[in-house]
Amino acid sequence: MSVSAAGRVMTAANAEIATVFEKLPTYTVTFDANGGTGVQETAEAVQGDEFVLPLFEFDAPDHMKFR
């Protein structure tokens, strides 16, 4: 089997070509209340996939609001 400069595979006989997959990186997303109260669970994100923020679970400190 040989590969041409254009990337074409040439074989002299029947050949089996297998696809190789690699796992995409995943990331743990953590949240910081930054002075607020409450608990926000961590979330997982996969590189290249759409990530939707979970429902907001923090309460703002007195006389403040989150932006």
PDB file of N, CA and C in Angstrom:
ATOM      1  N   MET A   1       0.850  -1.154   0.000  1.00  0.00           N
ATOM      2  CA  MET A   1       0.000   0.000   0.000  1.00  0.00           C
ATOM      3  C   MET A   1       0.905   1.229   0.000  1.00  0.00           C
ATOM      4  N   SER A   2       0.520   2.233  -0.792  1.00  0.00           N
ATOM      5  CA  SER A   2       1.278   3.479  -0.818  1.00  0.00           C
ATOM      6  C   SER A   2       0.297   4.650  -0.843  1.00  0.00           C
ATOM      7  N   VAL A   3       0.791   5.820  -0.431  1.00  0.00           N
ATOM      8  CA  VAL A   3      -0.027   7.032  -0.409  1.00  0.00           C
ATOM      9  C   VAL A   3       0.609   8.033  -1.348  1.00  0.00           C
ATOM     10  N   SER A   4      -0.185   8.542  -2.293  1.00  0.00           N
ATOM     11  CA  SER A   4       0.331   9.517  -3.246  1.00  0.00           C
ATOM     12  C   SER A   4       0.447  10.886  -2.590  1.00  0.00           C
ATOM     13  N   ALA A   5       1.092  11.826  -3.270  1.00  0.00           N
ATOM     14  CA  ALA A   5       1.241  13.192  -2.766  1.00  0.00           C
ATOM     15  C   ALA A   5      -0.118  13.857  -2.572  1.00  0.00           C
ATOM     16  N   ALA A   6      -1.113  13.437  -3.333  1.00  0.00           N
ATOM     17  CA  ALA A   6      -2.457  14.006  -3.215  1.00  0.00           C
ATOM     18  C   ALA A   6      -3.254  13.348  -2.091  1.00  0.00           C
ATOM     19  N   GLY A   7      -2.648  12.363  -1.399  1.00  0.00           N
ATOM     20  CA  GLY A   7      -3.326  11.707  -0.287  1.00  0.00           C
ATOM     21  C   GLY A   7      -4.151  10.504  -0.679  1.00  0.00           C
ATOM     22  N   ARG A   8      -4.009  10.049  -1.920  1.00  0.00           N
ATOM     23  CA  ARG A   8      -4.755   8.877  -2.367  1.00  0.00           C
ATOM     24  C   ARG A   8      -4.009   7.610  -1.943  1.00  0.00           C
ATOM     25  N   VAL A   9      -4.773   6.618  -1.498  1.00  0.00           N
ATOM     26  CA  VAL A   9      -4.183   5.351  -1.068  1.00  0.00           C
ATOM     27  C   VAL A   9      -4.250   4.373  -2.241  1.00  0.00           C
ATOM     28  N   MET A  10      -3.123   3.772  -2.563  1.00  0.00           N
ATOM     29  CA  MET A  10      -3.045   2.811  -3.652  1.00  0.00           C
ATOM     30  C   MET A  10      -2.669   1.446  -3.059  1.00  0.00           C
ATOM     31  N   THR A  11      -3.426   0.411  -3.431  1.00  0.00           N
ATOM     32  CA  THR A  11      -3.111  -0.928  -2.946  1.00  0.00           C
ATOM     33  C   THR A  11      -2.958  -1.868  -4.131  1.00  0.00           C
ATOM     34  N   ALA A  12      -2.173  -2.891  -3.934  1.00  0.00           N
ATOM     35  CA  ALA A  12      -1.981  -3.899  -4.971  1.00  0.00           C
ATOM     36  C   ALA A  12      -3.025  -5.005  -4.835  1.00  0.00           C
ATOM     37  N   ALA A  13      -3.687  -5.073  -3.692  1.00  0.00           N
ATOM     38  CA  ALA A  13      -4.689  -6.106  -3.438  1.00  0.00           C
ATOM     39  C   ALA A  13      -5.793  -5.489  -2.580  1.00  0.00           C
ATOM     40  N   ASN A  14      -6.774  -6.303  -2.236  1.00  0.00           N
ATOM     41  CA  ASN A  14      -7.848  -5.826  -1.361  1.00  0.00           C
ATOM     42  C   ASN A  14      -7.249  -5.370  -0.035  1.00  0.00           C
ATOM     43  N   ALA A  15      -7.798  -4.323   0.500  1.00  0.00           N
ATOM     44  CA  ALA A  15      -7.308  -3.802   1.777  1.00  0.00           C
ATOM     45  C   ALA A  15      -8.499  -3.376   2.620  1.00  0.00           C
ATOM     46  N   GLU A  16      -8.341  -3.492   3.914  1.00  0.00           N
ATOM     47  CA  GLU A  16      -9.364  -3.026   4.846  1.00  0.00           C
ATOM     48  C   GLU A  16      -8.830  -1.775   5.522  1.00  0.00           C
ATOM     49  N   ILE A  17      -9.615  -0.716   5.476  1.00  0.00           N
ATOM     50  CA  ILE A  17      -9.207   0.539   6.096  1.00  0.00           C
ATOM     51  C   ILE A  17     -10.156   0.807   7.250  1.00  0.00           C
ATOM     52  N   ALA A  18      -9.593   1.003   8.433  1.00  0.00           N
ATOM     53  CA  ALA A  18     -10.408   1.237   9.624  1.00  0.00           C
ATOM     54  C   ALA A  18     -10.332   2.708  10.014  1.00  0.00           C
ATOM     55  N   THR A  19     -11.454   3.228  10.436  1.00  0.00           N
ATOM     56  CA  THR A  19     -11.507   4.598  10.928  1.00  0.00           C
ATOM     57  C   THR A  19     -11.079   4.605  12.382  1.00  0.00           C
ATOM     58  N   VAL A  20     -10.276   5.595  12.737  1.00  0.00           N
ATOM     59  CA  VAL A  20      -9.813   5.720  14.112  1.00  0.00           C
ATOM     60  C   VAL A  20     -10.428   6.994  14.694  1.00  0.00           C
ATOM     61  N   PHE A  21     -11.106   6.847  15.816  1.00  0.00           N
ATOM     62  CA  PHE A  21     -11.718   7.984  16.484  1.00  0.00           C
ATOM     63  C   PHE A  21     -10.938   8.295  17.750  1.00  0.00           C
ATOM     64  N   GLU A  22     -10.888   9.566  18.092  1.00  0.00           N
ATOM     65  CA  GLU A  22     -10.281   9.936  19.366  1.00  0.00           C
ATOM     66  C   GLU A  22     -11.313  10.712  20.166  1.00  0.00           C
ATOM     67  N   LYS A  23     -11.264  10.528  21.460  1.00  0.00           N
ATOM     68  CA  LYS A  23     -12.227  11.184  22.336  1.00  0.00           C
ATOM     69  C   LYS A  23     -11.923  12.676  22.408  1.00  0.00           C
ATOM     70  N   LEU A  24     -12.972  13.505  22.272  1.00  0.00           N
ATOM     71  CA  LEU A  24     -12.805  14.949  22.385  1.00  0.00           C
ATOM     72  C   LEU A  24     -12.600  15.321  23.848  1.00  0.00           C
ATOM     73  N   PRO A  25     -11.821  16.371  24.097  1.00  0.00           N
ATOM     74  CA  PRO A  25     -11.611  16.792  25.483  1.00  0.00           C
ATOM     75  C   PRO A  25     -12.914  17.266  26.122  1.00  0.00           C
ATOM     76  N   THR A  26     -13.063  16.982  27.407  1.00  0.00           N
ATOM     77  CA  THR A  26     -14.197  17.495  28.169  1.00  0.00           C
ATOM     78  C   THR A  26     -13.669  18.456  29.223  1.00  0.00           C
ATOM     79  N   TYR A  27     -14.507  19.395  29.587  1.00  0.00           N
ATOM     80  CA  TYR A  27     -14.130  20.421  30.552  1.00  0.00           C
ATOM     81  C   TYR A  27     -15.175  20.482  31.656  1.00  0.00           C
ATOM     82  N   THR A  28     -14.719  20.691  32.879  1.00  0.00           N
ATOM     83  CA  THR A  28     -15.618  20.895  34.001  1.00  0.00           C
ATOM     84  C   THR A  28     -15.814  22.395  34.175  1.00  0.00           C
ATOM     85  N   VAL A  29     -17.066  22.828  34.140  1.00  0.00           N
ATOM     86  CA  VAL A  29     -17.399  24.236  34.296  1.00  0.00           C
ATOM     87  C   VAL A  29     -17.863  24.435  35.735  1.00  0.00           C
ATOM     88  N   THR A  30     -17.179  25.319  36.466  1.00  0.00           N
ATOM     89  CA  THR A  30     -17.559  25.624  37.837  1.00  0.00           C
ATOM     90  C   THR A  30     -18.048  27.060  37.916  1.00  0.00           C
ATOM     91  N   PHE A  31     -18.818  27.358  38.937  1.00  0.00           N
ATOM     92  CA  PHE A  31     -19.425  28.673  39.084  1.00  0.00           C
ATOM     93  C   PHE A  31     -19.043  29.257  40.437  1.00  0.00           C
ATOM     94  N   ASP A  32     -18.786  30.553  40.473  1.00  0.00           N
ATOM     95  CA  ASP A  32     -18.382  31.267  41.677  1.00  0.00           C
ATOM     96  C   ASP A  32     -19.453  32.304  42.004  1.00  0.00           C
ATOM     97  N   ALA A  33     -20.024  32.237  43.208  1.00  0.00           N
ATOM     98  CA  ALA A  33     -21.079  33.170  43.604  1.00  0.00           C
ATOM     99  C   ALA A  33     -20.561  34.594  43.777  1.00  0.00           C
ATOM    100  N   ASN A  34     -19.261  34.770  43.886  1.00  0.00           N
ATOM    101  CA  ASN A  34     -18.643  36.097  43.976  1.00  0.00           C
ATOM    102  C   ASN A  34     -19.323  36.981  45.030  1.00  0.00           C
ATOM    103  N   GLY A  35     -19.485  36.417  46.235  1.00  0.00           N
ATOM    104  CA  GLY A  35     -20.110  37.157  47.327  1.00  0.00           C
ATOM    105  C   GLY A  35     -21.572  36.829  47.527  1.00  0.00           C
ATOM    106  N   GLY A  36     -22.176  36.171  46.574  1.00  0.00           N
ATOM    107  CA  GLY A  36     -23.577  35.771  46.699  1.00  0.00           C
ATOM    108  C   GLY A  36     -23.694  34.491  47.503  1.00  0.00           C
ATOM    109  N   THR A  37     -24.910  33.990  47.623  1.00  0.00           N
ATOM    110  CA  THR A  37     -25.129  32.741  48.345  1.00  0.00           C
ATOM    111  C   THR A  37     -25.807  31.744  47.422  1.00  0.00           C
ATOM    112  N   GLY A  38     -25.768  30.500  47.826  1.00  0.00           N
ATOM    113  CA  GLY A  38     -26.395  29.441  47.052  1.00  0.00           C
ATOM    114  C   GLY A  38     -25.347  28.488  46.499  1.00  0.00           C
ATOM    115  N   VAL A  39     -25.827  27.443  45.897  1.00  0.00           N
ATOM    116  CA  VAL A  39     -24.951  26.410  45.338  1.00  0.00           C
ATOM    117  C   VAL A  39     -25.302  26.219  43.876  1.00  0.00           C
ATOM    118  N   GLN A  40     -24.306  26.231  43.033  1.00  0.00           N
ATOM    119  CA  GLN A  40     -24.491  25.973  41.601  1.00  0.00           C
ATOM    120  C   GLN A  40     -23.676  24.725  41.272  1.00  0.00           C
ATOM    121  N   GLU A  41     -24.353  23.688  40.842  1.00  0.00           N
ATOM    122  CA  GLU A  41     -23.669  22.443  40.493  1.00  0.00           C
ATOM    123  C   GLU A  41     -22.707  22.666  39.327  1.00  0.00           C
ATOM    124  N   THR A  42     -21.619  21.905  39.315  1.00  0.00           N
ATOM    125  CA  THR A  42     -20.696  21.974  38.186  1.00  0.00           C
ATOM    126  C   THR A  42     -21.382  21.376  36.953  1.00  0.00           C
ATOM    127  N   ALA A  43     -20.853  21.693  35.796  1.00  0.00           N
ATOM    128  CA  ALA A  43     -21.394  21.174  34.540  1.00  0.00           C
ATOM    129  C   ALA A  43     -20.232  20.658  33.694  1.00  0.00           C
ATOM    130  N   GLU A  44     -20.515  19.774  32.779  1.00  0.00           N
ATOM    131  CA  GLU A  44     -19.514  19.235  31.873  1.00  0.00           C
ATOM    132  C   GLU A  44     -19.750  19.769  30.467  1.00  0.00           C
ATOM    133  N   ALA A  45     -18.677  20.135  29.802  1.00  0.00           N
ATOM    134  CA  ALA A  45     -18.750  20.610  28.422  1.00  0.00           C
ATOM    135  C   ALA A  45     -17.775  19.794  27.584  1.00  0.00           C
ATOM    136  N   VAL A  46     -18.185  19.446  26.379  1.00  0.00           N
ATOM    137  CA  VAL A  46     -17.340  18.706  25.444  1.00  0.00           C
ATOM    138  C   VAL A  46     -16.897  19.671  24.345  1.00  0.00           C
ATOM    139  N   GLN A  47     -15.608  19.674  24.080  1.00  0.00           N
ATOM    140  CA  GLN A  47     -15.068  20.576  23.058  1.00  0.00           C
ATOM    141  C   GLN A  47     -15.816  20.396  21.750  1.00  0.00           C
ATOM    142  N   GLY A  48     -16.283  21.516  21.183  1.00  0.00           N
ATOM    143  CA  GLY A  48     -16.969  21.491  19.899  1.00  0.00           C
ATOM    144  C   GLY A  48     -18.473  21.300  20.002  1.00  0.00           C
ATOM    145  N   ASP A  49     -18.982  20.861  21.163  1.00  0.00           N
ATOM    146  CA  ASP A  49     -20.425  20.694  21.341  1.00  0.00           C
ATOM    147  C   ASP A  49     -21.031  21.982  21.882  1.00  0.00           C
ATOM    148  N   GLU A  50     -22.305  22.176  21.598  1.00  0.00           N
ATOM    149  CA  GLU A  50     -23.009  23.323  22.157  1.00  0.00           C
ATOM    150  C   GLU A  50     -23.105  23.152  23.664  1.00  0.00           C
ATOM    151  N   PHE A  51     -22.895  24.236  24.402  1.00  0.00           N
ATOM    152  CA  PHE A  51     -23.007  24.207  25.859  1.00  0.00           C
ATOM    153  C   PHE A  51     -24.064  25.216  26.271  1.00  0.00           C
ATOM    154  N   VAL A  52     -25.061  24.752  27.007  1.00  0.00           N
ATOM    155  CA  VAL A  52     -26.125  25.627  27.495  1.00  0.00           C
ATOM    156  C   VAL A  52     -25.914  25.798  28.994  1.00  0.00           C
ATOM    157  N   LEU A  53     -25.844  27.059  29.433  1.00  0.00           N
ATOM    158  CA  LEU A  53     -25.673  27.317  30.861  1.00  0.00           C
ATOM    159  C   LEU A  53     -26.859  26.768  31.640  1.00  0.00           C
ATOM    160  N   PRO A  54     -26.585  26.140  32.795  1.00  0.00           N
ATOM    161  CA  PRO A  54     -27.687  25.656  33.613  1.00  0.00           C
ATOM    162  C   PRO A  54     -28.448  26.822  34.258  1.00  0.00           C
ATOM    163  N   LEU A  55     -29.615  26.525  34.789  1.00  0.00           N
ATOM    164  CA  LEU A  55     -30.434  27.524  35.458  1.00  0.00           C
ATOM    165  C   LEU A  55     -29.631  28.195  36.571  1.00  0.00           C
ATOM    166  N   PHE A  56     -29.710  29.497  36.672  1.00  0.00           N
ATOM    167  CA  PHE A  56     -28.964  30.301  37.641  1.00  0.00           C
ATOM    168  C   PHE A  56     -29.468  29.988  39.048  1.00  0.00           C
ATOM    169  N   GLU A  57     -28.554  29.615  39.972  1.00  0.00           N
ATOM    170  CA  GLU A  57     -28.953  29.179  41.308  1.00  0.00           C
ATOM    171  C   GLU A  57     -28.461  30.091  42.434  1.00  0.00           C
ATOM    172  N   PHE A  58     -27.752  31.181  42.139  1.00  0.00           N
ATOM    173  CA  PHE A  58     -27.206  32.034  43.196  1.00  0.00           C
ATOM    174  C   PHE A  58     -28.171  33.156  43.569  1.00  0.00           C
ATOM    175  N   ASP A  59     -28.070  33.601  44.819  1.00  0.00           N
ATOM    176  CA  ASP A  59     -28.779  34.793  45.281  1.00  0.00           C
ATOM    177  C   ASP A  59     -27.751  35.895  45.467  1.00  0.00           C
ATOM    178  N   ALA A  60     -28.082  37.099  45.020  1.00  0.00           N
ATOM    179  CA  ALA A  60     -27.162  38.240  45.135  1.00  0.00           C
ATOM    180  C   ALA A  60     -27.037  38.683  46.591  1.00  0.00           C
ATOM    181  N   PRO A  61     -25.881  39.276  46.957  1.00  0.00           N
ATOM    182  CA  PRO A  61     -25.740  39.845  48.304  1.00  0.00           C
ATOM    183  C   PRO A  61     -26.755  40.976  48.500  1.00  0.00           C
ATOM    184  N   ASP A  62     -27.025  41.331  49.754  1.00  0.00           N
ATOM    185  CA  ASP A  62     -27.959  42.419  50.053  1.00  0.00           C
ATOM    186  C   ASP A  62     -27.557  43.698  49.298  1.00  0.00           C
ATOM    187  N   HIS A  63     -28.568  44.375  48.781  1.00  0.00           N
ATOM    188  CA  HIS A  63     -28.413  45.664  48.094  1.00  0.00           C
ATOM    189  C   HIS A  63     -27.579  45.575  46.824  1.00  0.00           C
ATOM    190  N   MET A  64     -27.532  44.376  46.244  1.00  0.00           N
ATOM    191  CA  MET A  64     -26.796  44.176  44.983  1.00  0.00           C
ATOM    192  C   MET A  64     -27.638  43.311  44.059  1.00  0.00           C
ATOM    193  N   LYS A  65     -27.298  43.328  42.786  1.00  0.00           N
ATOM    194  CA  LYS A  65     -27.928  42.432  41.826  1.00  0.00           C
ATOM    195  C   LYS A  65     -26.852  41.900  40.886  1.00  0.00           C
ATOM    196  N   PHE A  66     -27.108  40.712  40.335  1.00  0.00           N
ATOM    197  CA  PHE A  66     -26.177  40.135  39.382  1.00  0.00           C
ATOM    198  C   PHE A  66     -26.457  40.699  38.010  1.00  0.00           C
ATOM    199  N   ARG A  67     -25.406  40.888  37.229  1.00  0.00           N
ATOM    200  CA  ARG A  67     -25.574  41.349  35.858  1.00  0.00           C
ATOM    201  C   ARG A  67     -25.238  40.229  34.916  1.00  0.00           C
TER     202      ARG A  67
END
